[in-house]
Amino acid sequence: MNVNETYAGSEAVLARATRVVGTANVAVAGIAMIALAVFTKDTHSVLSFTSGFIVGLLNLYSCLKIIRSSMTLPQEAIEGFIKKRYMAKFSFSILLLVLLIWFAKLNPLTLLAGYTATIIVTLVTLILILKGEFKDNVGTHQ
């Protein structure tokens, strides 16, 4: 298998995972926002959660862009590329959260709950995808 075939295969897996993770995040966000609106009747909490969730989705999208960009680099350059880009992305995410807390006066707890929800949904979805892939691959190699 040459490099182009490996890249094409990785890109296909990444595209599928992106679709599934994106769908799961949107579904969970919708359910969580409706639950917050119904049970708290506090629009400020819903706005804070939604804002945190959007920052989390931006964080996820930028991670995806970093991964896609690094796939075309030589093996030796990947580590440094990802470290630099990730630190910039992380700093930007923190800056956005601080600005939302400071200037928009959003509730830090529900803001971080929205941000964390994106991370948790992504991790759980990826674990379920990998379990399915592992089960499929083990069955075909016996």
C-alpha atoms as a PDB file:
ATOM      1  CA  MET A   1       0.000   0.000   0.000  1.00  0.00           C
ATOM      2  CA  ASN A   2       1.546   3.302  -1.018  1.00  0.00           C
ATOM      3  CA  VAL A   3       1.232   6.685   0.689  1.00  0.00           C
ATOM      4  CA  ASN A   4      -1.614   7.911  -1.547  1.00  0.00           C
ATOM      5  CA  GLU A   5      -3.721   4.809  -0.828  1.00  0.00           C
ATOM      6  CA  THR A   6      -3.074   5.189   2.908  1.00  0.00           C
ATOM      7  CA  TYR A   7      -4.020   8.876   2.772  1.00  0.00           C
ATOM      8  CA  ALA A   8      -7.207   8.136   0.811  1.00  0.00           C
ATOM      9  CA  GLY A   9      -8.192   5.424   3.296  1.00  0.00           C
ATOM     10  CA  SER A  10      -7.494   7.677   6.267  1.00  0.00           C
ATOM     11  CA  GLU A  11      -9.437  10.526   4.664  1.00  0.00           C
ATOM     12  CA  ALA A  12     -12.459   8.251   4.169  1.00  0.00           C
ATOM     13  CA  VAL A  13     -12.389   7.093   7.794  1.00  0.00           C
ATOM     14  CA  LEU A  14     -11.970  10.693   8.958  1.00  0.00           C
ATOM     15  CA  ALA A  15     -14.908  11.852   6.818  1.00  0.00           C
ATOM     16  CA  ARG A  16     -17.164   9.111   8.191  1.00  0.00           C
ATOM     17  CA  ALA A  17     -16.142   9.808  11.794  1.00  0.00           C
ATOM     18  CA  THR A  18     -16.718  13.532  11.239  1.00  0.00           C
ATOM     19  CA  ARG A  19     -20.270  12.925  10.004  1.00  0.00           C
ATOM     20  CA  VAL A  20     -21.159  10.629  12.889  1.00  0.00           C
ATOM     21  CA  VAL A  21     -19.557  12.845  15.555  1.00  0.00           C
ATOM     22  CA  GLY A  22     -21.171  15.971  14.102  1.00  0.00           C
ATOM     23  CA  THR A  23     -24.620  14.351  14.052  1.00  0.00           C
ATOM     24  CA  ALA A  24     -24.226  13.069  17.613  1.00  0.00           C
ATOM     25  CA  ASN A  25     -23.114  16.493  18.855  1.00  0.00           C
ATOM     26  CA  VAL A  26     -26.034  18.294  17.216  1.00  0.00           C
ATOM     27  CA  ALA A  27     -28.516  15.745  18.600  1.00  0.00           C
ATOM     28  CA  VAL A  28     -27.164  15.950  22.151  1.00  0.00           C
ATOM     29  CA  ALA A  29     -26.981  19.756  22.007  1.00  0.00           C
ATOM     30  CA  GLY A  30     -30.603  19.971  20.908  1.00  0.00           C
ATOM     31  CA  ILE A  31     -31.802  17.628  23.642  1.00  0.00           C
ATOM     32  CA  ALA A  32     -29.718  19.399  26.312  1.00  0.00           C
ATOM     33  CA  MET A  33     -30.889  22.865  25.274  1.00  0.00           C
ATOM     34  CA  ILE A  34     -34.542  21.809  25.252  1.00  0.00           C
ATOM     35  CA  ALA A  35     -34.129  20.163  28.673  1.00  0.00           C
ATOM     36  CA  LEU A  36     -32.445  23.288  30.051  1.00  0.00           C
ATOM     37  CA  ALA A  37     -35.174  25.527  28.650  1.00  0.00           C
ATOM     38  CA  VAL A  38     -37.981  23.349  30.026  1.00  0.00           C
ATOM     39  CA  PHE A  39     -36.561  22.579  33.469  1.00  0.00           C
ATOM     40  CA  THR A  40     -34.761  25.819  34.353  1.00  0.00           C
ATOM     41  CA  LYS A  41     -36.919  28.303  32.444  1.00  0.00           C
ATOM     42  CA  ASP A  42     -33.790  30.454  32.436  1.00  0.00           C
ATOM     43  CA  THR A  43     -32.853  31.762  28.999  1.00  0.00           C
ATOM     44  CA  HIS A  44     -29.488  32.930  30.325  1.00  0.00           C
ATOM     45  CA  SER A  45     -28.510  29.328  31.175  1.00  0.00           C
ATOM     46  CA  VAL A  46     -29.610  28.129  27.744  1.00  0.00           C
ATOM     47  CA  LEU A  47     -27.594  30.909  26.099  1.00  0.00           C
ATOM     48  CA  SER A  48     -24.535  30.079  28.210  1.00  0.00           C
ATOM     49  CA  PHE A  49     -24.773  26.357  27.432  1.00  0.00           C
ATOM     50  CA  THR A  50     -25.301  27.040  23.731  1.00  0.00           C
ATOM     51  CA  SER A  51     -22.339  29.421  23.612  1.00  0.00           C
ATOM     52  CA  GLY A  52     -20.099  26.870  25.326  1.00  0.00           C
ATOM     53  CA  PHE A  53     -21.292  24.194  22.938  1.00  0.00           C
ATOM     54  CA  ILE A  54     -20.534  26.396  19.925  1.00  0.00           C
ATOM     55  CA  VAL A  55     -17.019  27.103  21.231  1.00  0.00           C
ATOM     56  CA  GLY A  56     -16.628  23.337  21.735  1.00  0.00           C
ATOM     57  CA  LEU A  57     -17.721  22.679  18.147  1.00  0.00           C
ATOM     58  CA  LEU A  58     -15.250  25.304  16.890  1.00  0.00           C
ATOM     59  CA  ASN A  59     -12.579  23.539  18.944  1.00  0.00           C
ATOM     60  CA  LEU A  60     -13.547  20.199  17.403  1.00  0.00           C
ATOM     61  CA  TYR A  61     -13.560  21.654  13.881  1.00  0.00           C
ATOM     62  CA  SER A  62     -10.114  23.186  14.345  1.00  0.00           C
ATOM     63  CA  CYS A  63      -8.781  19.829  15.639  1.00  0.00           C
ATOM     64  CA  LEU A  64     -10.128  18.211  12.503  1.00  0.00           C
ATOM     65  CA  LYS A  65      -8.430  20.804  10.310  1.00  0.00           C
ATOM     66  CA  ILE A  66      -5.132  20.243  12.143  1.00  0.00           C
ATOM     67  CA  ILE A  67      -5.400  16.476  11.623  1.00  0.00           C
ATOM     68  CA  ARG A  68      -6.247  16.845   7.931  1.00  0.00           C
ATOM     69  CA  SER A  69      -3.401  19.297   7.366  1.00  0.00           C
ATOM     70  CA  SER A  70      -0.889  17.061   9.130  1.00  0.00           C
ATOM     71  CA  MET A  71      -1.763  14.024   6.997  1.00  0.00           C
ATOM     72  CA  THR A  72       0.090  15.440   3.995  1.00  0.00           C
ATOM     73  CA  LEU A  73       3.296  16.316   5.870  1.00  0.00           C
ATOM     74  CA  PRO A  74       6.430  14.186   6.098  1.00  0.00           C
ATOM     75  CA  GLN A  75       6.513  11.908   9.158  1.00  0.00           C
ATOM     76  CA  GLU A  76       9.272  13.959  10.868  1.00  0.00           C
ATOM     77  CA  ALA A  77       7.359  17.254  10.656  1.00  0.00           C
ATOM     78  CA  ILE A  78       4.000  16.062  11.968  1.00  0.00           C
ATOM     79  CA  GLU A  79       4.744  16.275  15.701  1.00  0.00           C
ATOM     80  CA  GLY A  80       6.002  19.868  15.632  1.00  0.00           C
ATOM     81  CA  PHE A  81       3.182  20.943  13.322  1.00  0.00           C
ATOM     82  CA  ILE A  82       0.483  19.502  15.579  1.00  0.00           C
ATOM     83  CA  LYS A  83       2.049  20.903  18.774  1.00  0.00           C
ATOM     84  CA  LYS A  84       2.205  24.451  17.419  1.00  0.00           C
ATOM     85  CA  ARG A  85      -1.268  24.387  15.900  1.00  0.00           C
ATOM     86  CA  TYR A  86      -2.851  22.775  18.937  1.00  0.00           C
ATOM     87  CA  MET A  87      -1.408  25.350  21.346  1.00  0.00           C
ATOM     88  CA  ALA A  88      -2.716  28.171  19.145  1.00  0.00           C
ATOM     89  CA  LYS A  89      -6.137  26.510  18.929  1.00  0.00           C
ATOM     90  CA  PHE A  90      -6.271  25.881  22.676  1.00  0.00           C
ATOM     91  CA  SER A  91      -5.286  29.494  23.430  1.00  0.00           C
ATOM     92  CA  PHE A  92      -7.983  30.759  21.077  1.00  0.00           C
ATOM     93  CA  SER A  93     -10.637  28.532  22.704  1.00  0.00           C
ATOM     94  CA  ILE A  94      -9.693  29.736  26.184  1.00  0.00           C
ATOM     95  CA  LEU A  95      -9.721  33.346  24.990  1.00  0.00           C
ATOM     96  CA  LEU A  96     -13.227  32.887  23.563  1.00  0.00           C
ATOM     97  CA  LEU A  97     -14.489  31.373  26.818  1.00  0.00           C
ATOM     98  CA  VAL A  98     -12.948  34.166  28.903  1.00  0.00           C
ATOM     99  CA  LEU A  99     -14.436  36.842  26.627  1.00  0.00           C
ATOM    100  CA  LEU A 100     -17.870  35.238  26.850  1.00  0.00           C
ATOM    101  CA  ILE A 101     -17.663  35.152  30.636  1.00  0.00           C
ATOM    102  CA  TRP A 102     -16.194  38.611  31.027  1.00  0.00           C
ATOM    103  CA  PHE A 103     -17.989  40.711  28.424  1.00  0.00           C
ATOM    104  CA  ALA A 104     -21.186  38.774  27.703  1.00  0.00           C
ATOM    105  CA  LYS A 105     -21.594  37.983  31.425  1.00  0.00           C
ATOM    106  CA  LEU A 106     -22.457  34.365  30.708  1.00  0.00           C
ATOM    107  CA  ASN A 107     -22.661  31.844  33.516  1.00  0.00           C
ATOM    108  CA  PRO A 108     -19.260  30.096  33.671  1.00  0.00           C
ATOM    109  CA  LEU A 109     -20.704  26.774  34.877  1.00  0.00           C
ATOM    110  CA  THR A 110     -23.227  26.327  32.083  1.00  0.00           C
ATOM    111  CA  LEU A 111     -20.724  27.718  29.568  1.00  0.00           C
ATOM    112  CA  LEU A 112     -18.158  25.088  30.585  1.00  0.00           C
ATOM    113  CA  ALA A 113     -20.903  22.438  30.705  1.00  0.00           C
ATOM    114  CA  GLY A 114     -21.671  23.150  27.047  1.00  0.00           C
ATOM    115  CA  TYR A 115     -17.982  23.108  26.130  1.00  0.00           C
ATOM    116  CA  THR A 116     -17.414  19.863  28.043  1.00  0.00           C
ATOM    117  CA  ALA A 117     -20.517  18.248  26.552  1.00  0.00           C
ATOM    118  CA  THR A 118     -18.974  18.556  23.096  1.00  0.00           C
ATOM    119  CA  ILE A 119     -15.810  16.803  24.263  1.00  0.00           C
ATOM    120  CA  ILE A 120     -17.690  14.019  26.064  1.00  0.00           C
ATOM    121  CA  VAL A 121     -20.060  13.356  23.152  1.00  0.00           C
ATOM    122  CA  THR A 122     -17.106  13.269  20.760  1.00  0.00           C
ATOM    123  CA  LEU A 123     -15.131  10.813  22.907  1.00  0.00           C
ATOM    124  CA  VAL A 124     -18.086   8.484  23.488  1.00  0.00           C
ATOM    125  CA  THR A 125     -19.025   8.544  19.793  1.00  0.00           C
ATOM    126  CA  LEU A 126     -15.454   7.807  18.696  1.00  0.00           C
ATOM    127  CA  ILE A 127     -15.183   4.940  21.199  1.00  0.00           C
ATOM    128  CA  LEU A 128     -18.396   3.438  19.824  1.00  0.00           C
ATOM    129  CA  ILE A 129     -17.135   3.864  16.243  1.00  0.00           C
ATOM    130  CA  LEU A 130     -13.834   2.188  17.125  1.00  0.00           C
ATOM    131  CA  LYS A 131     -15.602  -0.678  18.907  1.00  0.00           C
ATOM    132  CA  GLY A 132     -17.622  -1.290  15.751  1.00  0.00           C
ATOM    133  CA  GLU A 133     -14.547  -1.047  13.517  1.00  0.00           C
ATOM    134  CA  PHE A 134     -12.583  -3.379  15.800  1.00  0.00           C
ATOM    135  CA  LYS A 135     -15.401  -5.925  15.859  1.00  0.00           C
ATOM    136  CA  ASP A 136     -15.688  -5.774  12.041  1.00  0.00           C
ATOM    137  CA  ASN A 137     -11.923  -6.118  11.541  1.00  0.00           C
ATOM    138  CA  VAL A 138     -11.489  -8.991  14.019  1.00  0.00           C
ATOM    139  CA  GLY A 139     -14.263 -10.952  12.314  1.00  0.00           C
ATOM    140  CA  THR A 140     -12.651 -10.568   8.865  1.00  0.00           C
ATOM    141  CA  HIS A 141      -9.125 -11.605   9.920  1.00  0.00           C
ATOM    142  CA  GLN A 142      -9.957 -14.967  11.439  1.00  0.00           C
END
